[in-house]
Amino acid sequence: MNDALQSLDTPALLALAAALGWASGLRLYLAVFLTGLAGTLGWIELPPGLKLLQHPGLLGLSGVLLFIEFFADKLPWLDSLWDMANSVIRVPAGAALAAGALGADGPTMAVIAALLGGTLAATSQAAKTSTRAAINTSPEPFTNIGASLLEDGLVVAALWLATQHPLLFAVLLVFMVLAMWAITWLLFKFLRAAWRRVFAIAPKEV
């Protein structure tokens, strides 16, 4: 167990900071709960700035919110409302979690980590929000459920890779971020065109 507790060297801490920032834009409560649970069960030794996630109260609260989000995120249109309600917290939370992962290395590193985490959270949230808005133009619910389950799996995989294979995670993260930028741009154009069609066929007042 001691070897496992010492596994978070500098590359792993950098990867964990990036993973927490990126995951916060998709599944903030899942990221918080899994990280706190991993520390509580002794799977990894969390850095001092993330020890708070192991507190029973915070672990319980994040677990409850995770339970709610798991179902709310899989229902058409309710998922978009849930995104809107949580959008104000995801980016700053991603910045705070990333800073907590590297804050022990000094205030400069904490600020850099916060900027990185906030940027990654904003990137993943923008991709998530635009994807869900596009999916909700279809009446069937199964695509929504599939997209939500994919996001669940991506967050779990990202946190595991960050702590176990940080260099591989870094490479995959670069490709994921580039893909998310492309998806967000394409879906923005799609949604803009869809809204234009809606307003074009809407009855006009005489």
C-alpha atoms as a PDB file:
ATOM      1  CA  MET A   1       0.000   0.000   0.000  1.00  0.00           C
ATOM      2  CA  ASN A   2       2.849   2.412   0.776  1.00  0.00           C
ATOM      3  CA  ASP A   3       4.139   2.134  -2.789  1.00  0.00           C
ATOM      4  CA  ALA A   4       0.676   3.027  -4.065  1.00  0.00           C
ATOM      5  CA  LEU A   5       0.523   6.004  -1.732  1.00  0.00           C
ATOM      6  CA  GLN A   6       3.798   7.346  -3.119  1.00  0.00           C
ATOM      7  CA  SER A   7       2.750   6.924  -6.759  1.00  0.00           C
ATOM      8  CA  LEU A   8       1.729  10.553  -7.281  1.00  0.00           C
ATOM      9  CA  ASP A   9       5.043  12.037  -8.363  1.00  0.00           C
ATOM     10  CA  THR A  10       5.299  15.376 -10.162  1.00  0.00           C
ATOM     11  CA  PRO A  11       4.094  14.101 -13.581  1.00  0.00           C
ATOM     12  CA  ALA A  12       1.140  12.372 -11.899  1.00  0.00           C
ATOM     13  CA  LEU A  13       0.247  15.518  -9.934  1.00  0.00           C
ATOM     14  CA  LEU A  14       0.380  17.597 -13.112  1.00  0.00           C
ATOM     15  CA  ALA A  15      -1.798  15.056 -14.877  1.00  0.00           C
ATOM     16  CA  LEU A  16      -4.219  14.915 -11.939  1.00  0.00           C
ATOM     17  CA  ALA A  17      -4.548  18.709 -11.956  1.00  0.00           C
ATOM     18  CA  ALA A  18      -5.349  18.666 -15.673  1.00  0.00           C
ATOM     19  CA  ALA A  19      -7.721  15.713 -15.307  1.00  0.00           C
ATOM     20  CA  LEU A  20      -9.665  17.354 -12.485  1.00  0.00           C
ATOM     21  CA  GLY A  21      -9.994  20.581 -14.447  1.00  0.00           C
ATOM     22  CA  TRP A  22     -11.120  18.808 -17.610  1.00  0.00           C
ATOM     23  CA  ALA A  23     -13.456  16.420 -15.767  1.00  0.00           C
ATOM     24  CA  SER A  24     -15.096  19.282 -13.858  1.00  0.00           C
ATOM     25  CA  GLY A  25     -16.564  20.620 -17.078  1.00  0.00           C
ATOM     26  CA  LEU A  26     -18.248  17.274 -17.731  1.00  0.00           C
ATOM     27  CA  ARG A  27     -18.968  15.726 -14.336  1.00  0.00           C
ATOM     28  CA  LEU A  28     -17.875  17.922 -11.448  1.00  0.00           C
ATOM     29  CA  TYR A  29     -19.518  15.868  -8.717  1.00  0.00           C
ATOM     30  CA  LEU A  30     -18.235  12.585 -10.112  1.00  0.00           C
ATOM     31  CA  ALA A  31     -14.692  13.979 -10.209  1.00  0.00           C
ATOM     32  CA  VAL A  32     -14.926  15.277  -6.634  1.00  0.00           C
ATOM     33  CA  PHE A  33     -16.493  12.081  -5.299  1.00  0.00           C
ATOM     34  CA  LEU A  34     -14.079   9.680  -6.997  1.00  0.00           C
ATOM     35  CA  THR A  35     -11.022  11.689  -5.964  1.00  0.00           C
ATOM     36  CA  GLY A  36     -12.163  11.930  -2.369  1.00  0.00           C
ATOM     37  CA  LEU A  37     -13.109   8.251  -2.305  1.00  0.00           C
ATOM     38  CA  ALA A  38      -9.721   7.219  -3.715  1.00  0.00           C
ATOM     39  CA  GLY A  39      -7.979   9.166  -0.978  1.00  0.00           C
ATOM     40  CA  THR A  40     -10.264   7.867   1.759  1.00  0.00           C
ATOM     41  CA  LEU A  41      -9.802   4.232   0.736  1.00  0.00           C
ATOM     42  CA  GLY A  42      -6.042   4.649   0.490  1.00  0.00           C
ATOM     43  CA  TRP A  43      -5.826   4.031  -3.238  1.00  0.00           C
ATOM     44  CA  ILE A  44      -3.753   7.196  -3.664  1.00  0.00           C
ATOM     45  CA  GLU A  45      -2.223   9.771  -1.359  1.00  0.00           C
ATOM     46  CA  LEU A  46      -3.936  13.042  -2.198  1.00  0.00           C
ATOM     47  CA  PRO A  47      -1.844  16.224  -2.143  1.00  0.00           C
ATOM     48  CA  PRO A  48      -2.503  18.586   0.799  1.00  0.00           C
ATOM     49  CA  GLY A  49      -4.685  20.878  -1.304  1.00  0.00           C
ATOM     50  CA  LEU A  50      -7.105  18.046  -2.064  1.00  0.00           C
ATOM     51  CA  LYS A  51      -7.281  16.445   1.386  1.00  0.00           C
ATOM     52  CA  LEU A  52     -10.545  18.290   1.991  1.00  0.00           C
ATOM     53  CA  LEU A  53     -12.211  16.019  -0.562  1.00  0.00           C
ATOM     54  CA  GLN A  54     -11.777  13.140   1.906  1.00  0.00           C
ATOM     55  CA  HIS A  55     -13.911  14.860   4.554  1.00  0.00           C
ATOM     56  CA  PRO A  56     -16.979  12.683   5.253  1.00  0.00           C
ATOM     57  CA  GLY A  57     -19.334  15.631   4.887  1.00  0.00           C
ATOM     58  CA  LEU A  58     -17.983  16.691   1.515  1.00  0.00           C
ATOM     59  CA  LEU A  59     -17.764  13.090   0.368  1.00  0.00           C
ATOM     60  CA  GLY A  60     -21.411  12.550   1.313  1.00  0.00           C
ATOM     61  CA  LEU A  61     -22.577  15.791  -0.318  1.00  0.00           C
ATOM     62  CA  SER A  62     -20.737  15.083  -3.560  1.00  0.00           C
ATOM     63  CA  GLY A  63     -22.176  11.560  -3.525  1.00  0.00           C
ATOM     64  CA  VAL A  64     -25.735  12.881  -3.227  1.00  0.00           C
ATOM     65  CA  LEU A  65     -25.189  15.441  -5.987  1.00  0.00           C
ATOM     66  CA  LEU A  66     -23.591  12.749  -8.133  1.00  0.00           C
ATOM     67  CA  PHE A  67     -26.662  10.547  -7.662  1.00  0.00           C
ATOM     68  CA  ILE A  68     -28.962  13.394  -8.728  1.00  0.00           C
ATOM     69  CA  GLU A  69     -26.788  14.341 -11.684  1.00  0.00           C
ATOM     70  CA  PHE A  70     -26.520  10.753 -12.903  1.00  0.00           C
ATOM     71  CA  PHE A  71     -30.258  10.695 -13.635  1.00  0.00           C
ATOM     72  CA  ALA A  72     -30.850  14.375 -14.446  1.00  0.00           C
ATOM     73  CA  ASP A  73     -28.128  14.284 -17.092  1.00  0.00           C
ATOM     74  CA  LYS A  74     -29.811  11.459 -18.988  1.00  0.00           C
ATOM     75  CA  LEU A  75     -33.248  13.019 -19.501  1.00  0.00           C
ATOM     76  CA  PRO A  76     -33.765  15.142 -22.625  1.00  0.00           C
ATOM     77  CA  TRP A  77     -34.005  18.884 -21.944  1.00  0.00           C
ATOM     78  CA  LEU A  78     -33.613  18.330 -18.191  1.00  0.00           C
ATOM     79  CA  ASP A  79     -29.931  17.756 -18.901  1.00  0.00           C
ATOM     80  CA  SER A  80     -29.650  21.189 -20.512  1.00  0.00           C
ATOM     81  CA  LEU A  81     -31.416  22.801 -17.556  1.00  0.00           C
ATOM     82  CA  TRP A  82     -29.049  20.974 -15.203  1.00  0.00           C
ATOM     83  CA  ASP A  83     -26.105  22.226 -17.252  1.00  0.00           C
ATOM     84  CA  MET A  84     -27.357  25.797 -17.033  1.00  0.00           C
ATOM     85  CA  ALA A  85     -27.818  25.544 -13.272  1.00  0.00           C
ATOM     86  CA  ASN A  86     -24.326  24.146 -12.746  1.00  0.00           C
ATOM     87  CA  SER A  87     -22.431  26.117 -15.382  1.00  0.00           C
ATOM     88  CA  VAL A  88     -21.541  28.881 -12.931  1.00  0.00           C
ATOM     89  CA  ILE A  89     -19.670  26.494 -10.645  1.00  0.00           C
ATOM     90  CA  ARG A  90     -17.927  24.070 -12.992  1.00  0.00           C
ATOM     91  CA  VAL A  91     -15.210  26.367 -14.329  1.00  0.00           C
ATOM     92  CA  PRO A  92     -14.194  27.928 -10.980  1.00  0.00           C
ATOM     93  CA  ALA A  93     -14.394  24.488  -9.355  1.00  0.00           C
ATOM     94  CA  GLY A  94     -12.132  23.060 -12.043  1.00  0.00           C
ATOM     95  CA  ALA A  95      -9.672  25.877 -11.413  1.00  0.00           C
ATOM     96  CA  ALA A  96      -9.794  25.326  -7.640  1.00  0.00           C
ATOM     97  CA  LEU A  97      -9.307  21.560  -7.904  1.00  0.00           C
ATOM     98  CA  ALA A  98      -6.354  21.936 -10.257  1.00  0.00           C
ATOM     99  CA  ALA A  99      -4.797  24.521  -7.949  1.00  0.00           C
ATOM    100  CA  GLY A 100      -5.325  22.183  -5.006  1.00  0.00           C
ATOM    101  CA  ALA A 101      -3.434  19.428  -6.782  1.00  0.00           C
ATOM    102  CA  LEU A 102      -0.347  21.608  -7.262  1.00  0.00           C
ATOM    103  CA  GLY A 103      -0.732  24.283  -4.587  1.00  0.00           C
ATOM    104  CA  ALA A 104       1.886  22.682  -2.328  1.00  0.00           C
ATOM    105  CA  ASP A 105       4.556  23.636  -4.883  1.00  0.00           C
ATOM    106  CA  GLY A 106       4.001  27.328  -4.226  1.00  0.00           C
ATOM    107  CA  PRO A 107       1.575  30.132  -5.112  1.00  0.00           C
ATOM    108  CA  THR A 108       2.951  30.577  -8.625  1.00  0.00           C
ATOM    109  CA  MET A 109       2.329  26.955  -9.506  1.00  0.00           C
ATOM    110  CA  ALA A 110      -1.127  27.169  -7.912  1.00  0.00           C
ATOM    111  CA  VAL A 111      -2.051  30.125 -10.133  1.00  0.00           C
ATOM    112  CA  ILE A 112      -0.742  28.364 -13.246  1.00  0.00           C
ATOM    113  CA  ALA A 113      -2.678  25.227 -12.303  1.00  0.00           C
ATOM    114  CA  ALA A 114      -5.844  27.256 -11.692  1.00  0.00           C
ATOM    115  CA  LEU A 115      -5.595  28.853 -15.129  1.00  0.00           C
ATOM    116  CA  LEU A 116      -5.005  25.448 -16.705  1.00  0.00           C
ATOM    117  CA  GLY A 117      -7.861  23.825 -14.799  1.00  0.00           C
ATOM    118  CA  GLY A 118     -10.289  26.635 -15.535  1.00  0.00           C
ATOM    119  CA  THR A 119      -9.449  26.601 -19.236  1.00  0.00           C
ATOM    120  CA  LEU A 120      -9.859  22.836 -19.486  1.00  0.00           C
ATOM    121  CA  ALA A 121     -13.150  22.975 -17.564  1.00  0.00           C
ATOM    122  CA  ALA A 122     -14.466  25.697 -19.867  1.00  0.00           C
ATOM    123  CA  THR A 123     -13.421  23.670 -22.916  1.00  0.00           C
ATOM    124  CA  SER A 124     -15.137  20.472 -21.822  1.00  0.00           C
ATOM    125  CA  GLN A 125     -18.242  22.302 -20.613  1.00  0.00           C
ATOM    126  CA  ALA A 126     -18.612  24.154 -23.915  1.00  0.00           C
ATOM    127  CA  ALA A 127     -18.327  20.881 -25.820  1.00  0.00           C
ATOM    128  CA  LYS A 128     -20.787  19.162 -23.489  1.00  0.00           C
ATOM    129  CA  THR A 129     -23.356  21.974 -23.615  1.00  0.00           C
ATOM    130  CA  SER A 130     -23.265  22.349 -27.389  1.00  0.00           C
ATOM    131  CA  THR A 131     -23.411  18.579 -27.898  1.00  0.00           C
ATOM    132  CA  ARG A 132     -26.435  18.206 -25.640  1.00  0.00           C
ATOM    133  CA  ALA A 133     -28.206  21.122 -27.278  1.00  0.00           C
ATOM    134  CA  ALA A 134     -27.707  19.474 -30.670  1.00  0.00           C
ATOM    135  CA  ILE A 135     -28.834  16.070 -29.386  1.00  0.00           C
ATOM    136  CA  ASN A 136     -31.973  17.602 -27.889  1.00  0.00           C
ATOM    137  CA  THR A 137     -33.125  18.623 -31.357  1.00  0.00           C
ATOM    138  CA  SER A 138     -33.926  14.913 -31.834  1.00  0.00           C
ATOM    139  CA  PRO A 139     -37.062  13.558 -30.097  1.00  0.00           C
ATOM    140  CA  GLU A 140     -35.597  10.138 -29.179  1.00  0.00           C
ATOM    141  CA  PRO A 141     -33.958   9.838 -25.719  1.00  0.00           C
ATOM    142  CA  PHE A 142     -31.437   7.065 -26.376  1.00  0.00           C
ATOM    143  CA  THR A 143     -28.738   9.275 -27.889  1.00  0.00           C
ATOM    144  CA  ASN A 144     -28.952  11.446 -24.797  1.00  0.00           C
ATOM    145  CA  ILE A 145     -28.487   8.478 -22.491  1.00  0.00           C
ATOM    146  CA  GLY A 146     -25.585   7.179 -24.564  1.00  0.00           C
ATOM    147  CA  ALA A 147     -23.819  10.548 -24.533  1.00  0.00           C
ATOM    148  CA  SER A 148     -24.250  10.813 -20.774  1.00  0.00           C
ATOM    149  CA  LEU A 149     -22.860   7.331 -20.155  1.00  0.00           C
ATOM    150  CA  LEU A 150     -19.924   8.123 -22.431  1.00  0.00           C
ATOM    151  CA  GLU A 151     -19.145  11.205 -20.348  1.00  0.00           C
ATOM    152  CA  ASP A 152     -19.315   9.119 -17.164  1.00  0.00           C
ATOM    153  CA  GLY A 153     -16.821   6.673 -18.607  1.00  0.00           C
ATOM    154  CA  LEU A 154     -14.505   9.399 -19.896  1.00  0.00           C
ATOM    155  CA  VAL A 155     -14.244  11.015 -16.462  1.00  0.00           C
ATOM    156  CA  VAL A 156     -13.481   7.714 -14.731  1.00  0.00           C
ATOM    157  CA  ALA A 157     -10.898   6.832 -17.387  1.00  0.00           C
ATOM    158  CA  ALA A 158      -9.289  10.278 -17.248  1.00  0.00           C
ATOM    159  CA  LEU A 159      -8.816  10.212 -13.477  1.00  0.00           C
ATOM    160  CA  TRP A 160      -7.418   6.681 -13.571  1.00  0.00           C
ATOM    161  CA  LEU A 161      -5.035   7.402 -16.432  1.00  0.00           C
ATOM    162  CA  ALA A 162      -3.844  10.634 -14.825  1.00  0.00           C
ATOM    163  CA  THR A 163      -2.719   8.831 -11.678  1.00  0.00           C
ATOM    164  CA  GLN A 164      -1.488   5.601 -13.260  1.00  0.00           C
ATOM    165  CA  HIS A 165      -0.188   6.611 -16.702  1.00  0.00           C
ATOM    166  CA  PRO A 166       0.258  10.409 -16.648  1.00  0.00           C
ATOM    167  CA  LEU A 167       2.262  10.679 -19.871  1.00  0.00           C
ATOM    168  CA  LEU A 168      -0.290   8.669 -21.844  1.00  0.00           C
ATOM    169  CA  PHE A 169      -3.038  10.785 -20.314  1.00  0.00           C
ATOM    170  CA  ALA A 170      -1.253  13.986 -21.381  1.00  0.00           C
ATOM    171  CA  VAL A 171      -1.072  12.823 -24.991  1.00  0.00           C
ATOM    172  CA  LEU A 172      -4.716  11.759 -25.046  1.00  0.00           C
ATOM    173  CA  LEU A 173      -5.786  15.003 -23.368  1.00  0.00           C
ATOM    174  CA  VAL A 174      -4.220  17.075 -26.145  1.00  0.00           C
ATOM    175  CA  PHE A 175      -6.173  15.146 -28.774  1.00  0.00           C
ATOM    176  CA  MET A 176      -9.356  15.334 -26.688  1.00  0.00           C
ATOM    177  CA  VAL A 177      -9.112  19.096 -26.249  1.00  0.00           C
ATOM    178  CA  LEU A 178      -8.496  19.621 -29.966  1.00  0.00           C
ATOM    179  CA  ALA A 179     -11.471  17.388 -30.761  1.00  0.00           C
ATOM    180  CA  MET A 180     -13.664  19.307 -28.319  1.00  0.00           C
ATOM    181  CA  TRP A 181     -12.721  22.634 -29.877  1.00  0.00           C
ATOM    182  CA  ALA A 182     -13.620  21.278 -33.309  1.00  0.00           C
ATOM    183  CA  ILE A 183     -16.896  19.762 -32.074  1.00  0.00           C
ATOM    184  CA  THR A 184     -17.918  22.961 -30.307  1.00  0.00           C
ATOM    185  CA  TRP A 185     -17.232  25.049 -33.416  1.00  0.00           C
ATOM    186  CA  LEU A 186     -19.125  22.683 -35.728  1.00  0.00           C
ATOM    187  CA  LEU A 187     -22.094  22.322 -33.382  1.00  0.00           C
ATOM    188  CA  PHE A 188     -22.271  26.070 -32.869  1.00  0.00           C
ATOM    189  CA  LYS A 189     -22.674  26.465 -36.625  1.00  0.00           C
ATOM    190  CA  PHE A 190     -25.277  23.669 -36.673  1.00  0.00           C
ATOM    191  CA  LEU A 191     -27.303  25.172 -33.827  1.00  0.00           C
ATOM    192  CA  ARG A 192     -27.137  28.652 -35.319  1.00  0.00           C
ATOM    193  CA  ALA A 193     -28.481  27.296 -38.614  1.00  0.00           C
ATOM    194  CA  ALA A 194     -31.205  25.376 -36.758  1.00  0.00           C
ATOM    195  CA  TRP A 195     -32.342  28.488 -34.902  1.00  0.00           C
ATOM    196  CA  ARG A 196     -32.424  30.449 -38.144  1.00  0.00           C
ATOM    197  CA  ARG A 197     -34.691  27.819 -39.700  1.00  0.00           C
ATOM    198  CA  VAL A 198     -36.988  27.928 -36.663  1.00  0.00           C
ATOM    199  CA  PHE A 199     -37.344  31.695 -36.842  1.00  0.00           C
ATOM    200  CA  ALA A 200     -37.755  31.564 -40.621  1.00  0.00           C
ATOM    201  CA  ILE A 201     -40.802  29.280 -40.427  1.00  0.00           C
ATOM    202  CA  ALA A 202     -42.297  30.876 -37.310  1.00  0.00           C
ATOM    203  CA  PRO A 203     -45.534  32.789 -37.991  1.00  0.00           C
ATOM    204  CA  LYS A 204     -44.933  36.491 -38.241  1.00  0.00           C
ATOM    205  CA  GLU A 205     -47.187  39.074 -36.685  1.00  0.00           C
ATOM    206  CA  VAL A 206     -49.222  41.098 -39.136  1.00  0.00           C
END
